[in-house]
Amino acid sequence: MSSFPNTVLLYYVPQTFPCGENSTCCGPTGLSEEELQQYRTAIEQALPGVTVQTINVDKKSGGKLSMSRDMAVCKMLNNFGYAACPIFAVNGEVISLGPPALDELVGMLKEKLAVTT
């Protein structure tokens, strides 16, 4: 659960290149810093007063989940693995799994947070 009522939690896996950066067999997985910033900017601009907190879920790269704050997300990760990311949550409730359509996500967040713009 977020400690701030107008905080959206964005759970992500950092971008990696499983077969090497210039590999032709597969592309990158996870989110780049640019993609994280795009989500943060889009949400914060569309919903004034709302902040986006990013949380790395990849244990290999130092990610830390809190069972008290992240129980619903932990369940999603246990069921779907990292393919569920990015995950957007508000007040302990998962709002979106996987890459979202931003206009739909903003609408759901606006409703959940009771934000008026």
C-alpha atoms as a PDB file:
ATOM      1  CA  MET A   1       0.000   0.000   0.000  1.00  0.00           C
ATOM      2  CA  SER A   2       1.270   3.435  -0.855  1.00  0.00           C
ATOM      3  CA  SER A   3       1.968   5.774   2.018  1.00  0.00           C
ATOM      4  CA  PHE A   4       0.643   8.701  -0.048  1.00  0.00           C
ATOM      5  CA  PRO A   5      -2.960   8.694  -1.307  1.00  0.00           C
ATOM      6  CA  ASN A   6      -2.077  10.224  -4.685  1.00  0.00           C
ATOM      7  CA  THR A   7       0.813   7.928  -5.497  1.00  0.00           C
ATOM      8  CA  VAL A   8       0.801   5.426  -8.327  1.00  0.00           C
ATOM      9  CA  LEU A   9       3.248   2.574  -7.903  1.00  0.00           C
ATOM     10  CA  LEU A  10       4.888   1.401 -11.130  1.00  0.00           C
ATOM     11  CA  TYR A  11       6.510  -2.027 -10.770  1.00  0.00           C
ATOM     12  CA  TYR A  12       8.998  -2.893 -13.471  1.00  0.00           C
ATOM     13  CA  VAL A  13      11.898  -5.088 -14.536  1.00  0.00           C
ATOM     14  CA  PRO A  14      14.961  -3.174 -15.788  1.00  0.00           C
ATOM     15  CA  GLN A  15      15.788  -3.617 -19.442  1.00  0.00           C
ATOM     16  CA  THR A  16      18.201  -6.440 -20.234  1.00  0.00           C
ATOM     17  CA  PHE A  17      19.478  -8.038 -23.403  1.00  0.00           C
ATOM     18  CA  PRO A  18      19.333 -11.801 -22.714  1.00  0.00           C
ATOM     19  CA  CYS A  19      21.302 -12.771 -25.825  1.00  0.00           C
ATOM     20  CA  GLY A  20      23.540  -9.718 -25.970  1.00  0.00           C
ATOM     21  CA  GLU A  21      22.869  -6.142 -27.040  1.00  0.00           C
ATOM     22  CA  ASN A  22      23.477  -6.735 -30.756  1.00  0.00           C
ATOM     23  CA  SER A  23      21.899 -10.189 -30.926  1.00  0.00           C
ATOM     24  CA  THR A  24      19.630 -11.026 -33.851  1.00  0.00           C
ATOM     25  CA  CYS A  25      17.722 -13.829 -32.124  1.00  0.00           C
ATOM     26  CA  CYS A  26      15.785 -11.781 -29.599  1.00  0.00           C
ATOM     27  CA  GLY A  27      15.270  -8.239 -28.463  1.00  0.00           C
ATOM     28  CA  PRO A  28      15.498  -6.593 -25.074  1.00  0.00           C
ATOM     29  CA  THR A  29      13.215  -7.464 -22.187  1.00  0.00           C
ATOM     30  CA  GLY A  30      11.992  -5.148 -19.447  1.00  0.00           C
ATOM     31  CA  LEU A  31      11.722  -1.369 -19.461  1.00  0.00           C
ATOM     32  CA  SER A  32      14.406   1.133 -20.336  1.00  0.00           C
ATOM     33  CA  GLU A  33      14.955   4.290 -18.284  1.00  0.00           C
ATOM     34  CA  GLU A  34      13.362   6.253 -21.131  1.00  0.00           C
ATOM     35  CA  GLU A  35      10.208   4.113 -21.060  1.00  0.00           C
ATOM     36  CA  LEU A  36       9.936   4.512 -17.275  1.00  0.00           C
ATOM     37  CA  GLN A  37      10.253   8.273 -17.641  1.00  0.00           C
ATOM     38  CA  GLN A  38       7.608   8.324 -20.392  1.00  0.00           C
ATOM     39  CA  TYR A  39       5.103   6.528 -18.159  1.00  0.00           C
ATOM     40  CA  ARG A  40       5.922   8.783 -15.207  1.00  0.00           C
ATOM     41  CA  THR A  41       5.632  11.962 -17.263  1.00  0.00           C
ATOM     42  CA  ALA A  42       2.412  10.931 -19.018  1.00  0.00           C
ATOM     43  CA  ILE A  43       0.657  10.055 -15.764  1.00  0.00           C
ATOM     44  CA  GLU A  44       1.905  13.030 -13.760  1.00  0.00           C
ATOM     45  CA  GLN A  45       0.985  15.480 -16.536  1.00  0.00           C
ATOM     46  CA  ALA A  46      -2.463  13.963 -17.077  1.00  0.00           C
ATOM     47  CA  LEU A  47      -3.199  13.800 -13.341  1.00  0.00           C
ATOM     48  CA  PRO A  48      -1.929  16.915 -11.535  1.00  0.00           C
ATOM     49  CA  GLY A  49      -1.015  16.221  -7.925  1.00  0.00           C
ATOM     50  CA  VAL A  50      -0.341  12.539  -8.602  1.00  0.00           C
ATOM     51  CA  THR A  51       3.183  11.165  -8.371  1.00  0.00           C
ATOM     52  CA  VAL A  52       4.562   7.941  -9.796  1.00  0.00           C
ATOM     53  CA  GLN A  53       6.933   5.868  -7.686  1.00  0.00           C
ATOM     54  CA  THR A  54       8.907   3.213  -9.563  1.00  0.00           C
ATOM     55  CA  ILE A  55       9.753  -0.111  -7.935  1.00  0.00           C
ATOM     56  CA  ASN A  56      12.243  -2.552  -9.419  1.00  0.00           C
ATOM     57  CA  VAL A  57      10.967  -6.136  -8.963  1.00  0.00           C
ATOM     58  CA  ASP A  58      14.066  -7.901 -10.310  1.00  0.00           C
ATOM     59  CA  LYS A  59      15.936  -9.462  -7.397  1.00  0.00           C
ATOM     60  CA  LYS A  60      19.059  -9.884  -9.539  1.00  0.00           C
ATOM     61  CA  SER A  61      19.380  -6.119  -9.966  1.00  0.00           C
ATOM     62  CA  GLY A  62      18.605  -5.161  -6.380  1.00  0.00           C
ATOM     63  CA  GLY A  63      14.827  -4.948  -6.524  1.00  0.00           C
ATOM     64  CA  LYS A  64      12.958  -5.153  -3.261  1.00  0.00           C
ATOM     65  CA  LEU A  65       9.315  -5.879  -2.690  1.00  0.00           C
ATOM     66  CA  SER A  66       7.581  -5.341   0.634  1.00  0.00           C
ATOM     67  CA  MET A  67       5.007  -7.971   1.492  1.00  0.00           C
ATOM     68  CA  SER A  68       2.949  -5.442   3.444  1.00  0.00           C
ATOM     69  CA  ARG A  69       2.874  -2.933   0.574  1.00  0.00           C
ATOM     70  CA  ASP A  70       3.131  -5.248  -2.445  1.00  0.00           C
ATOM     71  CA  MET A  71       1.078  -8.380  -1.678  1.00  0.00           C
ATOM     72  CA  ALA A  72      -1.196  -8.061  -4.730  1.00  0.00           C
ATOM     73  CA  VAL A  73       1.800  -7.476  -7.010  1.00  0.00           C
ATOM     74  CA  CYS A  74       3.648 -10.450  -5.508  1.00  0.00           C
ATOM     75  CA  LYS A  75       0.651 -12.644  -6.369  1.00  0.00           C
ATOM     76  CA  MET A  76       0.671 -11.372  -9.960  1.00  0.00           C
ATOM     77  CA  LEU A  77       4.407 -12.004 -10.284  1.00  0.00           C
ATOM     78  CA  ASN A  78       4.019 -15.504  -8.836  1.00  0.00           C
ATOM     79  CA  ASN A  79       1.285 -16.290 -11.366  1.00  0.00           C
ATOM     80  CA  PHE A  80       2.600 -14.582 -14.495  1.00  0.00           C
ATOM     81  CA  GLY A  81       6.283 -13.898 -13.847  1.00  0.00           C
ATOM     82  CA  TYR A  82       8.006 -10.827 -15.178  1.00  0.00           C
ATOM     83  CA  ALA A  83       5.711 -10.880 -18.226  1.00  0.00           C
ATOM     84  CA  ALA A  84       3.130  -9.127 -16.023  1.00  0.00           C
ATOM     85  CA  CYS A  85       5.307  -6.003 -15.911  1.00  0.00           C
ATOM     86  CA  PRO A  86       4.864  -3.140 -15.986  1.00  0.00           C
ATOM     87  CA  ILE A  87       2.317  -3.327 -13.179  1.00  0.00           C
ATOM     88  CA  PHE A  88       0.514  -0.205 -12.005  1.00  0.00           C
ATOM     89  CA  ALA A  89      -1.050  -0.166  -8.531  1.00  0.00           C
ATOM     90  CA  VAL A  90      -2.810   2.281  -6.240  1.00  0.00           C
ATOM     91  CA  ASN A  91      -3.333   1.755  -2.503  1.00  0.00           C
ATOM     92  CA  GLY A  92      -2.393  -1.919  -2.724  1.00  0.00           C
ATOM     93  CA  GLU A  93      -4.734  -2.639  -5.644  1.00  0.00           C
ATOM     94  CA  VAL A  94      -3.410  -3.665  -9.050  1.00  0.00           C
ATOM     95  CA  ILE A  95      -4.847  -1.389 -11.739  1.00  0.00           C
ATOM     96  CA  SER A  96      -3.017  -2.631 -14.849  1.00  0.00           C
ATOM     97  CA  LEU A  97      -0.761  -5.524 -15.928  1.00  0.00           C
ATOM     98  CA  GLY A  98       1.520  -5.431 -18.939  1.00  0.00           C
ATOM     99  CA  PRO A  99       2.103  -2.522 -21.300  1.00  0.00           C
ATOM    100  CA  PRO A 100      -0.994  -0.326 -20.989  1.00  0.00           C
ATOM    101  CA  ALA A 101      -2.900   1.857 -23.383  1.00  0.00           C
ATOM    102  CA  LEU A 102      -2.036   5.141 -21.644  1.00  0.00           C
ATOM    103  CA  ASP A 103      -5.405   6.824 -22.202  1.00  0.00           C
ATOM    104  CA  GLU A 104      -7.218   3.845 -20.648  1.00  0.00           C
ATOM    105  CA  LEU A 105      -4.728   3.675 -17.772  1.00  0.00           C
ATOM    106  CA  VAL A 106      -5.090   7.390 -17.037  1.00  0.00           C
ATOM    107  CA  GLY A 107      -8.885   7.011 -17.016  1.00  0.00           C
ATOM    108  CA  MET A 108      -8.725   4.113 -14.549  1.00  0.00           C
ATOM    109  CA  LEU A 109      -6.248   5.960 -12.336  1.00  0.00           C
ATOM    110  CA  LYS A 110      -8.362   9.115 -12.414  1.00  0.00           C
ATOM    111  CA  GLU A 111     -11.387   7.120 -11.287  1.00  0.00           C
ATOM    112  CA  LYS A 112      -9.482   5.203  -8.606  1.00  0.00           C
ATOM    113  CA  LEU A 113      -7.803   8.302  -7.175  1.00  0.00           C
ATOM    114  CA  ALA A 114     -10.915  10.482  -7.590  1.00  0.00           C
ATOM    115  CA  VAL A 115      -8.758  13.090  -9.339  1.00  0.00           C
ATOM    116  CA  THR A 116     -10.535  15.981 -11.002  1.00  0.00           C
ATOM    117  CA  THR A 117      -8.821  17.795 -13.852  1.00  0.00           C
END
